[in-house]
Protein backbone atom coordinates (compact mmCIF):
# COMPACT_ATOMS: atom_id res chain seq x y z
CA MET A 1 140.75 92.75 119.28
CA VAL A 2 142.09 89.20 119.28
CA LYS A 3 144.83 88.31 116.78
CA ILE A 4 145.45 84.71 115.78
CA MET A 5 148.56 83.48 113.93
CA LEU A 6 148.18 80.41 111.70
CA ASP A 7 151.12 78.35 110.45
CA ALA A 8 150.72 75.54 107.92
CA GLY A 9 154.11 74.05 108.79
CA HIS A 10 156.93 73.39 106.38
CA GLY A 11 156.66 74.31 102.71
CA LEU A 12 155.70 72.20 99.74
CA TYR A 13 159.24 71.12 98.88
CA THR A 14 160.18 69.77 102.31
CA SER A 15 159.50 66.09 102.47
CA GLY A 16 156.56 65.17 104.59
CA LYS A 17 153.88 62.56 104.88
CA GLN A 18 151.25 61.86 102.30
CA SER A 19 147.77 60.53 102.70
CA GLY A 20 146.71 57.06 101.91
CA LYS A 21 144.87 56.46 98.67
CA LEU A 22 142.12 59.09 98.57
CA ASN A 23 140.16 57.28 95.91
CA GLU A 24 139.69 54.35 98.32
CA ILE A 25 137.52 56.61 100.51
CA GLY A 26 135.78 58.38 97.62
CA LEU A 27 137.98 61.51 97.47
CA LYS A 28 140.24 62.90 94.77
CA ASN A 29 142.98 65.55 94.77
CA GLY A 30 143.00 66.89 91.22
CA SER A 31 144.54 64.18 89.04
CA SER A 32 146.32 62.56 91.99
CA ASP A 33 144.98 59.91 94.31
CA VAL A 34 147.20 61.01 97.22
CA MET A 35 147.52 64.30 99.09
CA LYS A 36 150.82 65.65 100.38
CA GLU A 37 150.98 66.86 103.98
CA TRP A 38 151.50 70.48 102.85
CA GLU A 39 148.44 70.36 100.57
CA PHE A 40 146.28 69.23 103.46
CA ASN A 41 147.79 71.74 105.91
CA ILE A 42 147.36 74.74 103.58
CA ALA A 43 143.74 73.75 102.84
CA VAL A 44 142.99 73.65 106.57
CA LEU A 45 144.81 76.97 107.11
CA LYS A 46 142.78 78.70 104.40
CA TYR A 47 139.51 77.29 105.74
CA MET A 48 140.35 78.32 109.31
CA LYS A 49 141.39 81.80 108.15
CA ILE A 50 137.98 82.37 106.55
CA LEU A 51 136.11 80.91 109.52
CA LEU A 52 138.03 83.02 112.05
CA LYS A 53 137.74 86.26 110.03
CA ASP A 54 134.00 85.69 109.61
CA ASN A 55 133.78 85.52 113.40
CA GLY A 56 135.60 88.81 113.99
CA PHE A 57 139.17 87.68 114.62
CA THR A 58 142.24 89.29 113.07
CA VAL A 59 144.12 86.47 111.35
CA LEU A 60 147.80 86.50 110.45
CA THR A 61 149.63 83.73 108.62
CA THR A 62 153.30 82.85 108.54
CA ASN A 63 153.37 81.64 104.94
CA GLU A 64 150.68 80.76 102.38
CA THR A 65 153.03 80.11 99.48
CA THR A 66 154.84 76.97 98.35
CA LYS A 67 158.16 78.53 99.47
CA ASP A 68 160.05 76.72 102.19
CA ILE A 69 161.14 79.01 105.00
CA SER A 70 164.12 77.98 107.07
CA LEU A 71 164.00 78.03 110.85
CA ALA A 72 166.50 80.91 110.79
CA GLU A 73 164.01 83.07 108.84
């Protein structure tokens, strides 16, 4: 059995990049017209988790919450 570990990167409260204006390309993120890096990363992680599980892989994740985890943890 193959195990795959997914990591969405730093948490929500660590500064990171944000997208350009989503509404300029016809997208919307709730009431906001930008998407933070963490929001994008966690959406991709959740999609990949479903896709991998549906194809028989065991999927582990480091963190799916908004909590920042230090490198020491």
